[in-house]
Amino acid sequence: FTGRALDQNDAGVVVGYSLGGGYIPHIWTD
């Protein structure tokens, strides 16, 4: 139900997480 983008590198890959049934770490690419 919620997510947060925390940081990104110079290639545009984003690291963050979402919540909903637990804490789920992510990276977003493109």
PDB file of all heavy atoms in Angstrom:
ATOM      1  N   PHE A   1       0.813  -1.208   0.000  1.00  0.00           N
ATOM      2  CA  PHE A   1       0.000   0.000   0.000  1.00  0.00           C
ATOM      3  C   PHE A   1       0.855   1.270   0.000  1.00  0.00           C
ATOM      4  O   PHE A   1       0.333   2.378  -0.179  1.00  0.00           O
ATOM      5  CB  PHE A   1      -0.947   0.020   1.211  1.00  0.00           C
ATOM      6  CG  PHE A   1      -0.240   0.044   2.543  1.00  0.00           C
ATOM      7  CD1 PHE A   1       0.118   1.244   3.139  1.00  0.00           C
ATOM      8  CD2 PHE A   1       0.077  -1.143   3.193  1.00  0.00           C
ATOM      9  CE1 PHE A   1       0.776   1.270   4.359  1.00  0.00           C
ATOM     10  CE2 PHE A   1       0.739  -1.127   4.418  1.00  0.00           C
ATOM     11  CZ  PHE A   1       1.089   0.072   5.001  1.00  0.00           C
ATOM     12  N   THR A   2       2.152   1.124   0.178  1.00  0.00           N
ATOM     13  CA  THR A   2       3.022   2.289   0.201  1.00  0.00           C
ATOM     14  C   THR A   2       4.431   1.889  -0.209  1.00  0.00           C
ATOM     15  O   THR A   2       4.809   0.717  -0.093  1.00  0.00           O
ATOM     16  CB  THR A   2       3.059   2.924   1.611  1.00  0.00           C
ATOM     17  OG1 THR A   2       3.826   4.134   1.578  1.00  0.00           O
ATOM     18  CG2 THR A   2       3.665   1.991   2.632  1.00  0.00           C
ATOM     19  N   GLY A   3       5.197   2.837  -0.720  1.00  0.00           N
ATOM     20  CA  GLY A   3       6.581   2.569  -1.105  1.00  0.00           C
ATOM     21  C   GLY A   3       7.391   3.841  -1.042  1.00  0.00           C
ATOM     22  O   GLY A   3       6.844   4.948  -1.098  1.00  0.00           O
ATOM     23  N   ARG A   4       8.701   3.688  -0.954  1.00  0.00           N
ATOM     24  CA  ARG A   4       9.585   4.856  -0.880  1.00  0.00           C
ATOM     25  C   ARG A   4      10.851   4.620  -1.701  1.00  0.00           C
ATOM     26  O   ARG A   4      11.456   3.559  -1.619  1.00  0.00           O
ATOM     27  CB  ARG A   4       9.956   5.174   0.575  1.00  0.00           C
ATOM     28  CG  ARG A   4       8.821   5.819   1.351  1.00  0.00           C
ATOM     29  CD  ARG A   4       9.129   5.927   2.836  1.00  0.00           C
ATOM     30  NE  ARG A   4       8.118   6.662   3.565  1.00  0.00           N
ATOM     31  CZ  ARG A   4       6.951   6.167   3.962  1.00  0.00           C
ATOM     32  NH1 ARG A   4       6.652   4.897   3.667  1.00  0.00           N
ATOM     33  NH2 ARG A   4       6.086   6.909   4.616  1.00  0.00           N
ATOM     34  N   ALA A   5      11.220   5.628  -2.469  1.00  0.00           N
ATOM     35  CA  ALA A   5      12.494   5.648  -3.172  1.00  0.00           C
ATOM     36  C   ALA A   5      13.498   6.353  -2.280  1.00  0.00           C
ATOM     37  O   ALA A   5      13.277   7.494  -1.871  1.00  0.00           O
ATOM     38  CB  ALA A   5      12.349   6.374  -4.506  1.00  0.00           C
ATOM     39  N   LEU A   6      14.606   5.681  -1.962  1.00  0.00           N
ATOM     40  CA  LEU A   6      15.559   6.214  -0.988  1.00  0.00           C
ATOM     41  C   LEU A   6      16.828   6.764  -1.614  1.00  0.00           C
ATOM     42  O   LEU A   6      17.387   7.745  -1.127  1.00  0.00           O
ATOM     43  CB  LEU A   6      15.921   5.125   0.028  1.00  0.00           C
ATOM     44  CG  LEU A   6      14.753   4.555   0.842  1.00  0.00           C
ATOM     45  CD1 LEU A   6      15.258   3.451   1.756  1.00  0.00           C
ATOM     46  CD2 LEU A   6      14.058   5.641   1.639  1.00  0.00           C
ATOM     47  N   ASP A   7      17.309   6.142  -2.682  1.00  0.00           N
ATOM     48  CA  ASP A   7      18.547   6.604  -3.311  1.00  0.00           C
ATOM     49  C   ASP A   7      18.607   6.031  -4.720  1.00  0.00           C
ATOM     50  O   ASP A   7      17.840   5.127  -5.076  1.00  0.00           O
ATOM     51  CB  ASP A   7      19.761   6.164  -2.485  1.00  0.00           C
ATOM     52  CG  ASP A   7      21.004   7.004  -2.759  1.00  0.00           C
ATOM     53  OD1 ASP A   7      20.922   7.944  -3.576  1.00  0.00           O
ATOM     54  OD2 ASP A   7      22.052   6.711  -2.170  1.00  0.00           O
ATOM     55  N   GLN A   8      19.529   6.579  -5.529  1.00  0.00           N
ATOM     56  CA  GLN A   8      19.714   6.072  -6.888  1.00  0.00           C
ATOM     57  C   GLN A   8      21.168   6.275  -7.298  1.00  0.00           C
ATOM     58  O   GLN A   8      21.876   7.122  -6.747  1.00  0.00           O
ATOM     59  CB  GLN A   8      18.794   6.796  -7.870  1.00  0.00           C
ATOM     60  CG  GLN A   8      19.094   8.272  -8.025  1.00  0.00           C
ATOM     61  CD  GLN A   8      18.191   8.969  -9.024  1.00  0.00           C
ATOM     62  OE1 GLN A   8      17.580   8.331  -9.876  1.00  0.00           O
ATOM     63  NE2 GLN A   8      18.098  10.280  -8.923  1.00  0.00           N
ATOM     64  N   ASN A   9      21.610   5.468  -8.272  1.00  0.00           N
ATOM     65  CA  ASN A   9      22.964   5.650  -8.772  1.00  0.00           C
ATOM     66  C   ASN A   9      22.934   6.433 -10.078  1.00  0.00           C
ATOM     67  O   ASN A   9      21.872   6.858 -10.551  1.00  0.00           O
ATOM     68  CB  ASN A   9      23.681   4.300  -8.927  1.00  0.00           C
ATOM     69  CG  ASN A   9      23.014   3.384  -9.946  1.00  0.00           C
ATOM     70  OD1 ASN A   9      22.238   3.818 -10.794  1.00  0.00           O
ATOM     71  ND2 ASN A   9      23.323   2.105  -9.873  1.00  0.00           N
ATOM     72  N   ASP A  10      24.106   6.626 -10.693  1.00  0.00           N
ATOM     73  CA  ASP A  10      24.172   7.441 -11.897  1.00  0.00           C
ATOM     74  C   ASP A  10      23.599   6.745 -13.122  1.00  0.00           C
ATOM     75  O   ASP A  10      23.405   7.379 -14.163  1.00  0.00           O
ATOM     76  CB  ASP A  10      25.619   7.874 -12.162  1.00  0.00           C
ATOM     77  CG  ASP A  10      26.109   8.890 -11.154  1.00  0.00           C
ATOM     78  OD1 ASP A  10      25.257   9.561 -10.530  1.00  0.00           O
ATOM     79  OD2 ASP A  10      27.338   9.017 -10.974  1.00  0.00           O
ATOM     80  N   ALA A  11      23.319   5.442 -13.011  1.00  0.00           N
ATOM     81  CA  ALA A  11      22.643   4.714 -14.089  1.00  0.00           C
ATOM     82  C   ALA A  11      21.127   4.815 -13.970  1.00  0.00           C
ATOM     83  O   ALA A  11      20.404   4.285 -14.809  1.00  0.00           O
ATOM     84  CB  ALA A  11      23.078   3.256 -14.100  1.00  0.00           C
ATOM     85  N   GLY A  12      20.650   5.461 -12.916  1.00  0.00           N
ATOM     86  CA  GLY A  12      19.215   5.615 -12.728  1.00  0.00           C
ATOM     87  C   GLY A  12      18.554   4.459 -12.023  1.00  0.00           C
ATOM     88  O   GLY A  12      17.315   4.391 -11.980  1.00  0.00           O
ATOM     89  N   VAL A  13      19.338   3.537 -11.469  1.00  0.00           N
ATOM     90  CA  VAL A  13      18.770   2.428 -10.701  1.00  0.00           C
ATOM     91  C   VAL A  13      18.421   2.945  -9.305  1.00  0.00           C
ATOM     92  O   VAL A  13      19.258   3.537  -8.620  1.00  0.00           O
ATOM     93  CB  VAL A  13      19.752   1.251 -10.609  1.00  0.00           C
ATOM     94  CG1 VAL A  13      19.164   0.122  -9.770  1.00  0.00           C
ATOM     95  CG2 VAL A  13      20.111   0.757 -12.005  1.00  0.00           C
ATOM     96  N   VAL A  14      17.188   2.718  -8.890  1.00  0.00           N
ATOM     97  CA  VAL A  14      16.661   3.262  -7.642  1.00  0.00           C
ATOM     98  C   VAL A  14      16.555   2.153  -6.606  1.00  0.00           C
ATOM     99  O   VAL A  14      16.144   1.027  -6.926  1.00  0.00           O
ATOM    100  CB  VAL A  14      15.270   3.899  -7.867  1.00  0.00           C
ATOM    101  CG1 VAL A  14      14.719   4.476  -6.560  1.00  0.00           C
ATOM    102  CG2 VAL A  14      15.345   4.980  -8.941  1.00  0.00           C
ATOM    103  N   VAL A  15      16.913   2.461  -5.369  1.00  0.00           N
ATOM    104  CA  VAL A  15      16.755   1.515  -4.268  1.00  0.00           C
ATOM    105  C   VAL A  15      15.731   2.078  -3.293  1.00  0.00           C
ATOM    106  O   VAL A  15      15.654   3.292  -3.065  1.00  0.00           O
ATOM    107  CB  VAL A  15      18.104   1.242  -3.564  1.00  0.00           C
ATOM    108  CG1 VAL A  15      18.666   2.507  -2.933  1.00  0.00           C
ATOM    109  CG2 VAL A  15      17.979   0.151  -2.524  1.00  0.00           C
ATOM    110  N   GLY A  16      14.906   1.188  -2.743  1.00  0.00           N
ATOM    111  CA  GLY A  16      13.881   1.617  -1.790  1.00  0.00           C
ATOM    112  C   GLY A  16      13.146   0.418  -1.229  1.00  0.00           C
ATOM    113  O   GLY A  16      13.674  -0.690  -1.203  1.00  0.00           O
ATOM    114  N   TYR A  17      11.913   0.636  -0.838  1.00  0.00           N
ATOM    115  CA  TYR A  17      11.147  -0.452  -0.238  1.00  0.00           C
ATOM    116  C   TYR A  17       9.653  -0.173  -0.360  1.00  0.00           C
ATOM    117  O   TYR A  17       9.222   0.935  -0.706  1.00  0.00           O
ATOM    118  CB  TYR A  17      11.517  -0.641   1.239  1.00  0.00           C
ATOM    119  CG  TYR A  17      11.101   0.512   2.142  1.00  0.00           C
ATOM    120  CD1 TYR A  17       9.854   0.518   2.779  1.00  0.00           C
ATOM    121  CD2 TYR A  17      11.953   1.587   2.358  1.00  0.00           C
ATOM    122  CE1 TYR A  17       9.480   1.570   3.602  1.00  0.00           C
ATOM    123  CE2 TYR A  17      11.581   2.632   3.180  1.00  0.00           C
ATOM    124  CZ  TYR A  17      10.347   2.621   3.800  1.00  0.00           C
ATOM    125  OH  TYR A  17       9.969   3.668   4.607  1.00  0.00           O
ATOM    126  N   SER A  18       8.862  -1.206  -0.090  1.00  0.00           N
ATOM    127  CA  SER A  18       7.412  -1.060   0.008  1.00  0.00           C
ATOM    128  C   SER A  18       6.936  -1.805   1.250  1.00  0.00           C
ATOM    129  O   SER A  18       7.650  -2.646   1.809  1.00  0.00           O
ATOM    130  CB  SER A  18       6.712  -1.596  -1.248  1.00  0.00           C
ATOM    131  OG  SER A  18       6.879  -2.999  -1.363  1.00  0.00           O
ATOM    132  N   LEU A  19       5.729  -1.456   1.677  1.00  0.00           N
ATOM    133  CA  LEU A  19       5.110  -2.086   2.839  1.00  0.00           C
ATOM    134  C   LEU A  19       3.740  -2.624   2.452  1.00  0.00           C
ATOM    135  O   LEU A  19       2.995  -1.983   1.711  1.00  0.00           O
ATOM    136  CB  LEU A  19       4.948  -1.069   3.980  1.00  0.00           C
ATOM    137  CG  LEU A  19       6.236  -0.514   4.612  1.00  0.00           C
ATOM    138  CD1 LEU A  19       5.880   0.568   5.620  1.00  0.00           C
ATOM    139  CD2 LEU A  19       7.033  -1.624   5.277  1.00  0.00           C
ATOM    140  N   GLY A  20       3.416  -3.771   3.003  1.00  0.00           N
ATOM    141  CA  GLY A  20       2.139  -4.399   2.745  1.00  0.00           C
ATOM    142  C   GLY A  20       2.299  -5.891   2.934  1.00  0.00           C
ATOM    143  O   GLY A  20       2.844  -6.567   2.067  1.00  0.00           O
ATOM    144  N   GLY A  21       1.885  -6.387   4.066  1.00  0.00           N
ATOM    145  CA  GLY A  21       2.157  -7.776   4.384  1.00  0.00           C
ATOM    146  C   GLY A  21       3.602  -7.995   4.758  1.00  0.00           C
ATOM    147  O   GLY A  21       4.109  -9.117   4.695  1.00  0.00           O
ATOM    148  N   GLY A  22       4.293  -6.922   5.115  1.00  0.00           N
ATOM    149  CA  GLY A  22       5.694  -7.013   5.490  1.00  0.00           C
ATOM    150  C   GLY A  22       6.525  -5.950   4.801  1.00  0.00           C
ATOM    151  O   GLY A  22       6.041  -5.199   3.948  1.00  0.00           O
ATOM    152  N   TYR A  23       7.779  -5.893   5.197  1.00  0.00           N
ATOM    153  CA  TYR A  23       8.739  -4.946   4.625  1.00  0.00           C
ATOM    154  C   TYR A  23       9.421  -5.607   3.442  1.00  0.00           C
ATOM    155  O   TYR A  23      10.004  -6.683   3.568  1.00  0.00           O
ATOM    156  CB  TYR A  23       9.760  -4.556   5.701  1.00  0.00           C
ATOM    157  CG  TYR A  23      10.893  -3.689   5.231  1.00  0.00           C
ATOM    158  CD1 TYR A  23      10.810  -2.303   5.280  1.00  0.00           C
ATOM    159  CD2 TYR A  23      12.069  -4.256   4.736  1.00  0.00           C
ATOM    160  CE1 TYR A  23      11.848  -1.507   4.853  1.00  0.00           C
ATOM    161  CE2 TYR A  23      13.126  -3.464   4.306  1.00  0.00           C
ATOM    162  CZ  TYR A  23      13.008  -2.096   4.369  1.00  0.00           C
ATOM    163  OH  TYR A  23      14.049  -1.306   3.942  1.00  0.00           O
ATOM    164  N   ILE A  24       9.341  -4.975   2.264  1.00  0.00           N
ATOM    165  CA  ILE A  24       9.874  -5.579   1.039  1.00  0.00           C
ATOM    166  C   ILE A  24      10.885  -4.618   0.419  1.00  0.00           C
ATOM    167  O   ILE A  24      10.507  -3.570  -0.100  1.00  0.00           O
ATOM    168  CB  ILE A  24       8.748  -5.876   0.028  1.00  0.00           C
ATOM    169  CG1 ILE A  24       7.621  -6.682   0.683  1.00  0.00           C
ATOM    170  CG2 ILE A  24       9.322  -6.618  -1.180  1.00  0.00           C
ATOM    171  CD1 ILE A  24       6.391  -6.815  -0.194  1.00  0.00           C
ATOM    172  N   PRO A  25      12.189  -4.936   0.455  1.00  0.00           N
ATOM    173  CA  PRO A  25      13.193  -4.091  -0.196  1.00  0.00           C
ATOM    174  C   PRO A  25      13.163  -4.273  -1.712  1.00  0.00           C
ATOM    175  O   PRO A  25      12.882  -5.369  -2.205  1.00  0.00           O
ATOM    176  CB  PRO A  25      14.509  -4.583   0.407  1.00  0.00           C
ATOM    177  CG  PRO A  25      14.243  -6.006   0.781  1.00  0.00           C
ATOM    178  CD  PRO A  25      12.789  -6.078   1.166  1.00  0.00           C
ATOM    179  N   HIS A  26      13.453  -3.198  -2.445  1.00  0.00           N
ATOM    180  CA  HIS A  26      13.378  -3.249  -3.912  1.00  0.00           C
ATOM    181  C   HIS A  26      14.550  -2.514  -4.543  1.00  0.00           C
ATOM    182  O   HIS A  26      15.172  -1.651  -3.921  1.00  0.00           O
ATOM    183  CB  HIS A  26      12.122  -2.536  -4.427  1.00  0.00           C
ATOM    184  CG  HIS A  26      10.830  -3.057  -3.929  1.00  0.00           C
ATOM    185  ND1 HIS A  26      10.407  -4.346  -4.137  1.00  0.00           N
ATOM    186  CD2 HIS A  26       9.840  -2.452  -3.230  1.00  0.00           C
ATOM    187  CE1 HIS A  26       9.221  -4.514  -3.591  1.00  0.00           C
ATOM    188  NE2 HIS A  26       8.868  -3.373  -3.025  1.00  0.00           N
ATOM    189  N   ILE A  27      14.779  -2.844  -5.822  1.00  0.00           N
ATOM    190  CA  ILE A  27      15.451  -1.908  -6.720  1.00  0.00           C
ATOM    191  C   ILE A  27      14.548  -1.750  -7.938  1.00  0.00           C
ATOM    192  O   ILE A  27      13.835  -2.684  -8.333  1.00  0.00           O
ATOM    193  CB  ILE A  27      16.861  -2.366  -7.140  1.00  0.00           C
ATOM    194  CG1 ILE A  27      16.804  -3.695  -7.910  1.00  0.00           C
ATOM    195  CG2 ILE A  27      17.801  -2.439  -5.968  1.00  0.00           C
ATOM    196  CD1 ILE A  27      18.141  -4.036  -8.571  1.00  0.00           C
ATOM    197  N   TRP A  28      14.546  -0.541  -8.485  1.00  0.00           N
ATOM    198  CA  TRP A  28      13.822  -0.257  -9.718  1.00  0.00           C
ATOM    199  C   TRP A  28      14.825   0.026 -10.812  1.00  0.00           C
ATOM    200  O   TRP A  28      15.731   0.857 -10.644  1.00  0.00           O
ATOM    201  CB  TRP A  28      12.895   0.951  -9.561  1.00  0.00           C
ATOM    202  CG  TRP A  28      11.697   0.741  -8.693  1.00  0.00           C
ATOM    203  CD1 TRP A  28      10.472   0.278  -9.083  1.00  0.00           C
ATOM    204  CD2 TRP A  28      11.576   1.037  -7.288  1.00  0.00           C
ATOM    205  NE1 TRP A  28       9.606   0.245  -8.005  1.00  0.00           N
ATOM    206  CE2 TRP A  28      10.245   0.720  -6.905  1.00  0.00           C
ATOM    207  CE3 TRP A  28      12.442   1.549  -6.341  1.00  0.00           C
ATOM    208  CZ2 TRP A  28       9.792   0.883  -5.602  1.00  0.00           C
ATOM    209  CZ3 TRP A  28      11.995   1.709  -5.032  1.00  0.00           C
ATOM    210  CH2 TRP A  28      10.678   1.381  -4.680  1.00  0.00           C
ATOM    211  N   THR A  29      14.692  -0.663 -11.943  1.00  0.00           N
ATOM    212  CA  THR A  29      15.567  -0.468 -13.091  1.00  0.00           C
ATOM    213  C   THR A  29      14.706  -0.092 -14.297  1.00  0.00           C
ATOM    214  O   THR A  29      13.757  -0.817 -14.628  1.00  0.00           O
ATOM    215  CB  THR A  29      16.367  -1.742 -13.411  1.00  0.00           C
ATOM    216  OG1 THR A  29      17.098  -2.141 -12.241  1.00  0.00           O
ATOM    217  CG2 THR A  29      17.337  -1.504 -14.549  1.00  0.00           C
ATOM    218  N   ASP A  30      15.009   1.033 -14.916  1.00  0.00           N
ATOM    219  CA  ASP A  30      14.219   1.522 -16.053  1.00  0.00           C
ATOM    220  C   ASP A  30      12.743   1.630 -15.683  1.00  0.00           C
ATOM    221  O   ASP A  30      11.857   1.316 -16.508  1.00  0.00           O
ATOM    222  CB  ASP A  30      14.395   0.625 -17.277  1.00  0.00           C
ATOM    223  CG  ASP A  30      15.813   0.669 -17.809  1.00  0.00           C
ATOM    224  OD1 ASP A  30      16.444   1.739 -17.707  1.00  0.00           O
ATOM    225  OD2 ASP A  30      16.293  -0.367 -18.325  1.00  0.00           O
TER     226      ASP A  30
END
